[in-house]
PDB file of N, CA and C in Angstrom:
ATOM      1  N   MET A   1      16.341  -3.088 -12.484  1.00  0.00           N
ATOM      2  CA  MET A   1      15.823  -1.736 -12.562  1.00  0.00           C
ATOM      3  C   MET A   1      14.388  -1.716 -12.050  1.00  0.00           C
ATOM      4  N   THR A   2      14.103  -0.815 -11.175  1.00  0.00           N
ATOM      5  CA  THR A   2      12.774  -0.669 -10.594  1.00  0.00           C
ATOM      6  C   THR A   2      11.886   0.157 -11.514  1.00  0.00           C
ATOM      7  N   GLY A   3      10.648  -0.293 -11.673  1.00  0.00           N
ATOM      8  CA  GLY A   3       9.723   0.420 -12.542  1.00  0.00           C
ATOM      9  C   GLY A   3       8.592   1.068 -11.768  1.00  0.00           C
ATOM     10  N   ILE A   4       8.043   2.110 -12.355  1.00  0.00           N
ATOM     11  CA  ILE A   4       6.889   2.787 -11.773  1.00  0.00           C
ATOM     12  C   ILE A   4       5.749   1.781 -11.627  1.00  0.00           C
ATOM     13  N   GLY A   5       5.083   1.794 -10.475  1.00  0.00           N
ATOM     14  CA  GLY A   5       3.938   0.935 -10.242  1.00  0.00           C
ATOM     15  C   GLY A   5       4.260  -0.377  -9.542  1.00  0.00           C
ATOM     16  N   GLU A   6       5.542  -0.703  -9.379  1.00  0.00           N
ATOM     17  CA  GLU A   6       5.904  -1.923  -8.669  1.00  0.00           C
ATOM     18  C   GLU A   6       5.655  -1.725  -7.177  1.00  0.00           C
ATOM     19  N   HIS A   7       5.421  -2.825  -6.467  1.00  0.00           N
ATOM     20  CA  HIS A   7       5.098  -2.765  -5.044  1.00  0.00           C
ATOM     21  C   HIS A   7       6.175  -3.441  -4.207  1.00  0.00           C
ATOM     22  N   TYR A   8       6.442  -2.834  -3.038  1.00  0.00           N
ATOM     23  CA  TYR A   8       7.473  -3.328  -2.137  1.00  0.00           C
ATOM     24  C   TYR A   8       7.000  -3.271  -0.694  1.00  0.00           C
ATOM     25  N   ARG A   9       7.578  -4.151   0.122  1.00  0.00           N
ATOM     26  CA  ARG A   9       7.311  -4.210   1.559  1.00  0.00           C
ATOM     27  C   ARG A   9       8.654  -4.051   2.266  1.00  0.00           C
ATOM     28  N   PRO A  10       8.721  -3.216   3.328  1.00  0.00           N
ATOM     29  CA  PRO A  10      10.001  -3.036   4.025  1.00  0.00           C
ATOM     30  C   PRO A  10      10.410  -4.287   4.785  1.00  0.00           C
ATOM     31  N   THR A  11      11.708  -4.508   4.856  1.00  0.00           N
ATOM     32  CA  THR A  11      12.246  -5.652   5.590  1.00  0.00           C
ATOM     33  C   THR A  11      12.952  -5.215   6.865  1.00  0.00           C
ATOM     34  N   ILE A  12      13.040  -3.905   7.088  1.00  0.00           N
ATOM     35  CA  ILE A  12      13.666  -3.380   8.306  1.00  0.00           C
ATOM     36  C   ILE A  12      12.674  -2.457   9.008  1.00  0.00           C
ATOM     37  N   ARG A  13      12.881  -2.227  10.289  1.00  0.00           N
ATOM     38  CA  ARG A  13      11.935  -1.444  11.091  1.00  0.00           C
ATOM     39  C   ARG A  13      12.032   0.066  10.879  1.00  0.00           C
ATOM     40  N   ARG A  14      12.971   0.521  10.119  1.00  0.00           N
ATOM     41  CA  ARG A  14      13.133   1.960   9.895  1.00  0.00           C
ATOM     42  C   ARG A  14      11.911   2.558   9.203  1.00  0.00           C
ATOM     43  N   TYR A  15      11.193   1.753   8.436  1.00  0.00           N
ATOM     44  CA  TYR A  15      10.026   2.215   7.686  1.00  0.00           C
ATOM     45  C   TYR A  15       8.765   1.566   8.243  1.00  0.00           C
ATOM     46  N   ASP A  16       7.628   2.275   8.144  1.00  0.00           N
ATOM     47  CA  ASP A  16       6.356   1.711   8.589  1.00  0.00           C
ATOM     48  C   ASP A  16       6.053   0.450   7.805  1.00  0.00           C
ATOM     49  N   SER A  17       5.579  -0.584   8.506  1.00  0.00           N
ATOM     50  CA  SER A  17       5.245  -1.825   7.803  1.00  0.00           C
ATOM     51  C   SER A  17       4.011  -1.593   6.939  1.00  0.00           C
ATOM     52  N   GLY A  18       3.976  -2.262   5.826  1.00  0.00           N
ATOM     53  CA  GLY A  18       2.887  -2.111   4.878  1.00  0.00           C
ATOM     54  C   GLY A  18       3.395  -2.284   3.468  1.00  0.00           C
ATOM     55  N   VAL A  19       2.624  -1.781   2.525  1.00  0.00           N
ATOM     56  CA  VAL A  19       2.963  -1.917   1.111  1.00  0.00           C
ATOM     57  C   VAL A  19       3.176  -0.521   0.530  1.00  0.00           C
ATOM     58  N   TYR A  20       4.241  -0.390  -0.249  1.00  0.00           N
ATOM     59  CA  TYR A  20       4.591   0.868  -0.896  1.00  0.00           C
ATOM     60  C   TYR A  20       4.608   0.656  -2.403  1.00  0.00           C
ATOM     61  N   ARG A  21       4.152   1.663  -3.169  1.00  0.00           N
ATOM     62  CA  ARG A  21       4.191   1.627  -4.634  1.00  0.00           C
ATOM     63  C   ARG A  21       5.245   2.609  -5.114  1.00  0.00           C
ATOM     64  N   VAL A  22       6.024   2.198  -6.090  1.00  0.00           N
ATOM     65  CA  VAL A  22       7.034   3.076  -6.679  1.00  0.00           C
ATOM     66  C   VAL A  22       6.311   4.121  -7.537  1.00  0.00           C
ATOM     67  N   VAL A  23       6.544   5.401  -7.214  1.00  0.00           N
ATOM     68  CA  VAL A  23       5.911   6.484  -7.968  1.00  0.00           C
ATOM     69  C   VAL A  23       6.929   7.416  -8.615  1.00  0.00           C
ATOM     70  N   GLY A  24       8.207   7.184  -8.366  1.00  0.00           N
ATOM     71  CA  GLY A  24       9.246   8.000  -8.983  1.00  0.00           C
ATOM     72  C   GLY A  24      10.581   7.286  -8.925  1.00  0.00           C
ATOM     73  N   THR A  25      11.390   7.467  -9.974  1.00  0.00           N
ATOM     74  CA  THR A  25      12.687   6.785 -10.014  1.00  0.00           C
ATOM     75  C   THR A  25      13.836   7.708 -10.376  1.00  0.00           C
ATOM     76  N   SER A  26      13.624   8.997 -10.397  1.00  0.00           N
ATOM     77  CA  SER A  26      14.737   9.900 -10.688  1.00  0.00           C
ATOM     78  C   SER A  26      15.384  10.338  -9.373  1.00  0.00           C
ATOM     79  N   GLU A  27      16.708  10.352  -9.346  1.00  0.00           N
ATOM     80  CA  GLU A  27      17.465  10.723  -8.153  1.00  0.00           C
ATOM     81  C   GLU A  27      17.055   9.875  -6.953  1.00  0.00           C
ATOM     82  N   GLY A  28      17.082   8.582  -7.093  1.00  0.00           N
ATOM     83  CA  GLY A  28      16.660   7.668  -6.040  1.00  0.00           C
ATOM     84  C   GLY A  28      15.306   7.080  -6.392  1.00  0.00           C
ATOM     85  N   THR A  29      14.593   6.622  -5.383  1.00  0.00           N
ATOM     86  CA  THR A  29      13.276   6.034  -5.602  1.00  0.00           C
ATOM     87  C   THR A  29      12.289   6.698  -4.661  1.00  0.00           C
ATOM     88  N   THR A  30      11.130   7.085  -5.181  1.00  0.00           N
ATOM     89  CA  THR A  30      10.069   7.646  -4.370  1.00  0.00           C
ATOM     90  C   THR A  30       8.975   6.607  -4.231  1.00  0.00           C
ATOM     91  N   LEU A  31       8.580   6.339  -2.971  1.00  0.00           N
ATOM     92  CA  LEU A  31       7.584   5.319  -2.681  1.00  0.00           C
ATOM     93  C   LEU A  31       6.364   5.955  -2.034  1.00  0.00           C
ATOM     94  N   LEU A  32       5.179   5.499  -2.425  1.00  0.00           N
ATOM     95  CA  LEU A  32       3.909   5.950  -1.856  1.00  0.00           C
ATOM     96  C   LEU A  32       3.354   4.830  -0.999  1.00  0.00           C
ATOM     97  N   TYR A  33       2.994   5.140   0.236  1.00  0.00           N
ATOM     98  CA  TYR A  33       2.415   4.163   1.165  1.00  0.00           C
ATOM     99  C   TYR A  33       0.975   3.897   0.737  1.00  0.00           C
ATOM    100  N   VAL A  34       0.662   2.653   0.335  1.00  0.00           N
ATOM    101  CA  VAL A  34      -0.663   2.360  -0.223  1.00  0.00           C
ATOM    102  C   VAL A  34      -1.483   1.360   0.569  1.00  0.00           C
ATOM    103  N   ALA A  35      -0.874   0.581   1.457  1.00  0.00           N
ATOM    104  CA  ALA A  35      -1.633  -0.402   2.238  1.00  0.00           C
ATOM    105  C   ALA A  35      -0.935  -0.654   3.564  1.00  0.00           C
ATOM    106  N   ASP A  36      -1.729  -0.957   4.594  1.00  0.00           N
ATOM    107  CA  ASP A  36      -1.141  -1.237   5.899  1.00  0.00           C
ATOM    108  C   ASP A  36      -0.565  -2.650   5.936  1.00  0.00           C
ATOM    109  N   ALA A  37      -0.096  -3.062   7.094  1.00  0.00           N
ATOM    110  CA  ALA A  37       0.561  -4.369   7.217  1.00  0.00           C
ATOM    111  C   ALA A  37      -0.381  -5.528   6.932  1.00  0.00           C
ATOM    112  N   ASP A  38      -1.703  -5.312   7.084  1.00  0.00           N
ATOM    113  CA  ASP A  38      -2.691  -6.363   6.804  1.00  0.00           C
ATOM    114  C   ASP A  38      -3.161  -6.355   5.357  1.00  0.00           C
ATOM    115  N   GLY A  39      -2.644  -5.440   4.552  1.00  0.00           N
ATOM    116  CA  GLY A  39      -3.018  -5.371   3.146  1.00  0.00           C
ATOM    117  C   GLY A  39      -4.236  -4.519   2.867  1.00  0.00           C
ATOM    118  N   ARG A  40      -4.754  -3.807   3.892  1.00  0.00           N
ATOM    119  CA  ARG A  40      -5.904  -2.919   3.681  1.00  0.00           C
ATOM    120  C   ARG A  40      -5.421  -1.604   3.093  1.00  0.00           C
ATOM    121  N   ARG A  41      -6.120  -1.133   2.074  1.00  0.00           N
ATOM    122  CA  ARG A  41      -5.748   0.115   1.401  1.00  0.00           C
ATOM    123  C   ARG A  41      -5.823   1.292   2.355  1.00  0.00           C
ATOM    124  N   VAL A  42      -4.876   2.196   2.203  1.00  0.00           N
ATOM    125  CA  VAL A  42      -4.876   3.456   2.938  1.00  0.00           C
ATOM    126  C   VAL A  42      -4.681   4.577   1.930  1.00  0.00           C
ATOM    127  N   ASN A  43      -5.240   5.720   2.235  1.00  0.00           N
ATOM    128  CA  ASN A  43      -5.094   6.890   1.376  1.00  0.00           C
ATOM    129  C   ASN A  43      -4.478   8.022   2.179  1.00  0.00           C
ATOM    130  N   ALA A  44      -3.303   7.757   2.730  1.00  0.00           N
ATOM    131  CA  ALA A  44      -2.642   8.726   3.598  1.00  0.00           C
ATOM    132  C   ALA A  44      -1.856   9.772   2.815  1.00  0.00           C
ATOM    133  N   GLY A  45      -1.448   9.443   1.603  1.00  0.00           N
ATOM    134  CA  GLY A  45      -0.634  10.368   0.824  1.00  0.00           C
ATOM    135  C   GLY A  45       0.802  10.449   1.302  1.00  0.00           C
ATOM    136  N   THR A  46       1.229   9.501   2.094  1.00  0.00           N
ATOM    137  CA  THR A  46       2.586   9.485   2.637  1.00  0.00           C
ATOM    138  C   THR A  46       3.568   8.974   1.599  1.00  0.00           C
ATOM    139  N   THR A  47       4.604   9.762   1.332  1.00  0.00           N
ATOM    140  CA  THR A  47       5.649   9.338   0.408  1.00  0.00           C
ATOM    141  C   THR A  47       6.986   9.380   1.130  1.00  0.00           C
ATOM    142  N   ILE A  48       7.887   8.524   0.684  1.00  0.00           N
ATOM    143  CA  ILE A  48       9.257   8.545   1.181  1.00  0.00           C
ATOM    144  C   ILE A  48      10.195   8.484  -0.019  1.00  0.00           C
ATOM    145  N   ARG A  49      11.349   9.092   0.131  1.00  0.00           N
ATOM    146  CA  ARG A  49      12.372   9.043  -0.916  1.00  0.00           C
ATOM    147  C   ARG A  49      13.583   8.333  -0.342  1.00  0.00           C
ATOM    148  N   ILE A  50      14.057   7.343  -1.069  1.00  0.00           N
ATOM    149  CA  ILE A  50      15.212   6.569  -0.610  1.00  0.00           C
ATOM    150  C   ILE A  50      16.265   6.536  -1.713  1.00  0.00           C
ATOM    151  N   ALA A  51      17.489   6.266  -1.303  1.00  0.00           N
ATOM    152  CA  ALA A  51      18.587   6.146  -2.262  1.00  0.00           C
ATOM    153  C   ALA A  51      18.381   4.891  -3.107  1.00  0.00           C
ATOM    154  N   THR A  52      18.932   4.884  -4.297  1.00  0.00           N
ATOM    155  CA  THR A  52      18.742   3.774  -5.228  1.00  0.00           C
ATOM    156  C   THR A  52      19.146   2.437  -4.623  1.00  0.00           C
ATOM    157  N   GLY A  53      20.292   2.348  -4.009  1.00  0.00           N
ATOM    158  CA  GLY A  53      20.760   1.088  -3.445  1.00  0.00           C
ATOM    159  C   GLY A  53      19.974   0.629  -2.231  1.00  0.00           C
ATOM    160  N   GLU A  54      19.318   1.557  -1.542  1.00  0.00           N
ATOM    161  CA  GLU A  54      18.591   1.205  -0.329  1.00  0.00           C
ATOM    162  C   GLU A  54      17.332   0.392  -0.615  1.00  0.00           C
ATOM    163  N   LEU A  55      16.766   0.524  -1.796  1.00  0.00           N
ATOM    164  CA  LEU A  55      15.569  -0.239  -2.131  1.00  0.00           C
ATOM    165  C   LEU A  55      15.851  -1.733  -2.053  1.00  0.00           C
ATOM    166  N   GLU A  56      16.969  -2.168  -2.612  1.00  0.00           N
ATOM    167  CA  GLU A  56      17.315  -3.588  -2.584  1.00  0.00           C
ATOM    168  C   GLU A  56      17.694  -4.058  -1.185  1.00  0.00           C
ATOM    169  N   GLU A  57      18.242  -3.164  -0.360  1.00  0.00           N
ATOM    170  CA  GLU A  57      18.685  -3.530   0.980  1.00  0.00           C
ATOM    171  C   GLU A  57      17.548  -3.550   1.997  1.00  0.00           C
ATOM    172  N   ALA A  58      16.592  -2.643   1.874  1.00  0.00           N
ATOM    173  CA  ALA A  58      15.582  -2.463   2.918  1.00  0.00           C
ATOM    174  C   ALA A  58      14.168  -2.888   2.522  1.00  0.00           C
ATOM    175  N   PHE A  59      13.964  -3.288   1.269  1.00  0.00           N
ATOM    176  CA  PHE A  59      12.621  -3.635   0.795  1.00  0.00           C
ATOM    177  C   PHE A  59      12.660  -4.927  -0.003  1.00  0.00           C
ATOM    178  N   GLU A  60      11.512  -5.605  -0.063  1.00  0.00           N
ATOM    179  CA  GLU A  60      11.368  -6.797  -0.895  1.00  0.00           C
ATOM    180  C   GLU A  60      10.122  -6.632  -1.766  1.00  0.00           C
ATOM    181  N   PRO A  61      10.130  -7.180  -2.970  1.00  0.00           N
ATOM    182  CA  PRO A  61       8.950  -7.085  -3.829  1.00  0.00           C
ATOM    183  C   PRO A  61       7.748  -7.783  -3.186  1.00  0.00           C
ATOM    184  N   THR A  62       6.575  -7.250  -3.424  1.00  0.00           N
ATOM    185  CA  THR A  62       5.340  -7.824  -2.899  1.00  0.00           C
ATOM    186  C   THR A  62       4.236  -7.622  -3.931  1.00  0.00           C
ATOM    187  N   PRO A  63       3.188  -8.440  -3.901  1.00  0.00           N
ATOM    188  CA  PRO A  63       2.100  -8.270  -4.867  1.00  0.00           C
ATOM    189  C   PRO A  63       1.312  -6.987  -4.622  1.00  0.00           C
ATOM    190  N   ASN A  64       0.654  -6.524  -5.647  1.00  0.00           N
ATOM    191  CA  ASN A  64      -0.225  -5.369  -5.562  1.00  0.00           C
ATOM    192  C   ASN A  64      -1.391  -5.711  -4.632  1.00  0.00           C
ATOM    193  N   PRO A  65      -1.655  -4.889  -3.599  1.00  0.00           N
ATOM    194  CA  PRO A  65      -2.749  -5.209  -2.679  1.00  0.00           C
ATOM    195  C   PRO A  65      -4.123  -5.133  -3.333  1.00  0.00           C
ATOM    196  N   ASP A  66      -4.224  -4.546  -4.488  1.00  0.00           N
ATOM    197  CA  ASP A  66      -5.508  -4.429  -5.181  1.00  0.00           C
ATOM    198  C   ASP A  66      -5.785  -5.592  -6.121  1.00  0.00           C
ATOM    199  N   ASP A  67      -4.814  -6.479  -6.317  1.00  0.00           N
ATOM    200  CA  ASP A  67      -5.007  -7.604  -7.227  1.00  0.00           C
ATOM    201  C   ASP A  67      -5.841  -8.695  -6.579  1.00  0.00           C
ATOM    202  N   GLY A  68      -6.730  -9.256  -7.349  1.00  0.00           N
ATOM    203  CA  GLY A  68      -7.473 -10.426  -6.912  1.00  0.00           C
ATOM    204  C   GLY A  68      -8.632 -10.135  -5.978  1.00  0.00           C
ATOM    205  N   PHE A  69      -9.440 -11.149  -5.761  1.00  0.00           N
ATOM    206  CA  PHE A  69     -10.601 -11.078  -4.887  1.00  0.00           C
ATOM    207  C   PHE A  69     -10.194 -11.486  -3.478  1.00  0.00           C
ATOM    208  N   ARG A  70     -10.609 -10.710  -2.501  1.00  0.00           N
ATOM    209  CA  ARG A  70     -10.356 -11.048  -1.099  1.00  0.00           C
ATOM    210  C   ARG A  70     -11.694 -11.116  -0.386  1.00  0.00           C
ATOM    211  N   PHE A  71     -11.973 -12.273   0.189  1.00  0.00           N
ATOM    212  CA  PHE A  71     -13.244 -12.508   0.852  1.00  0.00           C
ATOM    213  C   PHE A  71     -13.470 -11.519   1.999  1.00  0.00           C
ATOM    214  N   GLU A  72     -12.416 -11.270   2.807  1.00  0.00           N
ATOM    215  CA  GLU A  72     -12.553 -10.348   3.941  1.00  0.00           C
ATOM    216  C   GLU A  72     -12.917  -8.945   3.474  1.00  0.00           C
ATOM    217  N   ARG A  73     -12.274  -8.496   2.408  1.00  0.00           N
ATOM    218  CA  ARG A  73     -12.552  -7.157   1.883  1.00  0.00           C
ATOM    219  C   ARG A  73     -13.979  -7.072   1.365  1.00  0.00           C
ATOM    220  N   ALA A  74     -14.442  -8.129   0.698  1.00  0.00           N
ATOM    221  CA  ALA A  74     -15.813  -8.143   0.183  1.00  0.00           C
ATOM    222  C   ALA A  74     -16.818  -8.070   1.327  1.00  0.00           C
ATOM    223  N   LEU A  75     -16.588  -8.808   2.405  1.00  0.00           N
ATOM    224  CA  LEU A  75     -17.488  -8.754   3.557  1.00  0.00           C
ATOM    225  C   LEU A  75     -17.494  -7.378   4.211  1.00  0.00           C
ATOM    226  N   ARG A  76     -16.322  -6.789   4.354  1.00  0.00           N
ATOM    227  CA  ARG A  76     -16.221  -5.465   4.954  1.00  0.00           C
ATOM    228  C   ARG A  76     -16.954  -4.432   4.104  1.00  0.00           C
ATOM    229  N   THR A  77     -16.781  -4.513   2.792  1.00  0.00           N
ATOM    230  CA  THR A  77     -17.460  -3.585   1.887  1.00  0.00           C
ATOM    231  C   THR A  77     -18.970  -3.780   1.950  1.00  0.00           C
ATOM    232  N   LEU A  78     -19.415  -5.028   1.963  1.00  0.00           N
ATOM    233  CA  LEU A  78     -20.844  -5.320   2.055  1.00  0.00           C
ATOM    234  C   LEU A  78     -21.416  -4.793   3.361  1.00  0.00           C
ATOM    235  N   GLY A  79     -20.707  -5.002   4.467  1.00  0.00           N
ATOM    236  CA  GLY A  79     -21.164  -4.498   5.754  1.00  0.00           C
ATOM    237  C   GLY A  79     -21.284  -2.989   5.775  1.00  0.00           C
ATOM    238  N   THR A  80     -20.313  -2.293   5.213  1.00  0.00           N
ATOM    239  CA  THR A  80     -20.366  -0.838   5.138  1.00  0.00           C
ATOM    240  C   THR A  80     -21.540  -0.386   4.285  1.00  0.00           C
ATOM    241  N   TRP A  81     -21.742  -1.032   3.156  1.00  0.00           N
ATOM    242  CA  TRP A  81     -22.851  -0.677   2.269  1.00  0.00           C
ATOM    243  C   TRP A  81     -24.186  -0.888   2.973  1.00  0.00           C
ATOM    244  N   LEU A  82     -24.341  -2.031   3.658  1.00  0.00           N
ATOM    245  CA  LEU A  82     -25.597  -2.306   4.373  1.00  0.00           C
ATOM    246  C   LEU A  82     -25.860  -1.270   5.455  1.00  0.00           C
ATOM    247  N   TYR A  83     -24.839  -0.918   6.204  1.00  0.00           N
ATOM    248  CA  TYR A  83     -24.994   0.085   7.258  1.00  0.00           C
ATOM    249  C   TYR A  83     -25.499   1.402   6.693  1.00  0.00           C
ATOM    250  N   TRP A  84     -24.841   1.890   5.651  1.00  0.00           N
ATOM    251  CA  TRP A  84     -25.207   3.189   5.102  1.00  0.00           C
ATOM    252  C   TRP A  84     -26.522   3.141   4.319  1.00  0.00           C
ATOM    253  N   SER A  85     -26.938   1.983   3.856  1.00  0.00           N
ATOM    254  CA  SER A  85     -28.195   1.907   3.121  1.00  0.00           C
ATOM    255  C   SER A  85     -29.415   1.906   4.056  1.00  0.00           C
ATOM    256  N   VAL A  86     -29.248   1.517   5.311  1.00  0.00           N
ATOM    257  CA  VAL A  86     -30.389   1.494   6.233  1.00  0.00           C
ATOM    258  C   VAL A  86     -30.296   2.577   7.325  1.00  0.00           C
ATOM    259  N   ARG A  87     -29.223   3.274   7.390  1.00  0.00           N
ATOM    260  CA  ARG A  87     -29.063   4.317   8.399  1.00  0.00           C
ATOM    261  C   ARG A  87     -30.016   5.465   8.129  1.00  0.00           C
ATOM    262  N   LYS A  88     -30.677   5.905   9.177  1.00  0.00           N
ATOM    263  CA  LYS A  88     -31.626   7.010   9.030  1.00  0.00           C
ATOM    264  C   LYS A  88     -30.900   8.337   9.201  1.00  0.00           C
ATOM    265  N   PRO A  89     -31.228   9.309   8.366  1.00  0.00           N
ATOM    266  CA  PRO A  89     -30.605  10.624   8.542  1.00  0.00           C
ATOM    267  C   PRO A  89     -31.160  11.289   9.806  1.00  0.00           C
ATOM    268  N   ARG A  90     -30.383  12.131  10.397  1.00  0.00           N
ATOM    269  CA  ARG A  90     -30.818  12.846  11.623  1.00  0.00           C
ATOM    270  C   ARG A  90     -31.728  13.973  11.293  1.00  0.00           C
TER     271      ARG A  90
END
């Protein structure tokens, strides 16, 4: 049984590659696109609804992209912070 908040990655090309979070389980499964194929968070608001049996056929479980420390993400965040902290207003 699939639970709200679990994360999945598609195994077929029919769906955009990336990470999806389960946000609904009534009348099938509703998935929210939360990270791209490289694991970077996206806030697109894209949802898809699939039949119950299709989740097991077309998706595989994957870890939450927000779990744990990622060195690349920390560097990117630091770089963004540094840029905006020294940028002069027009």
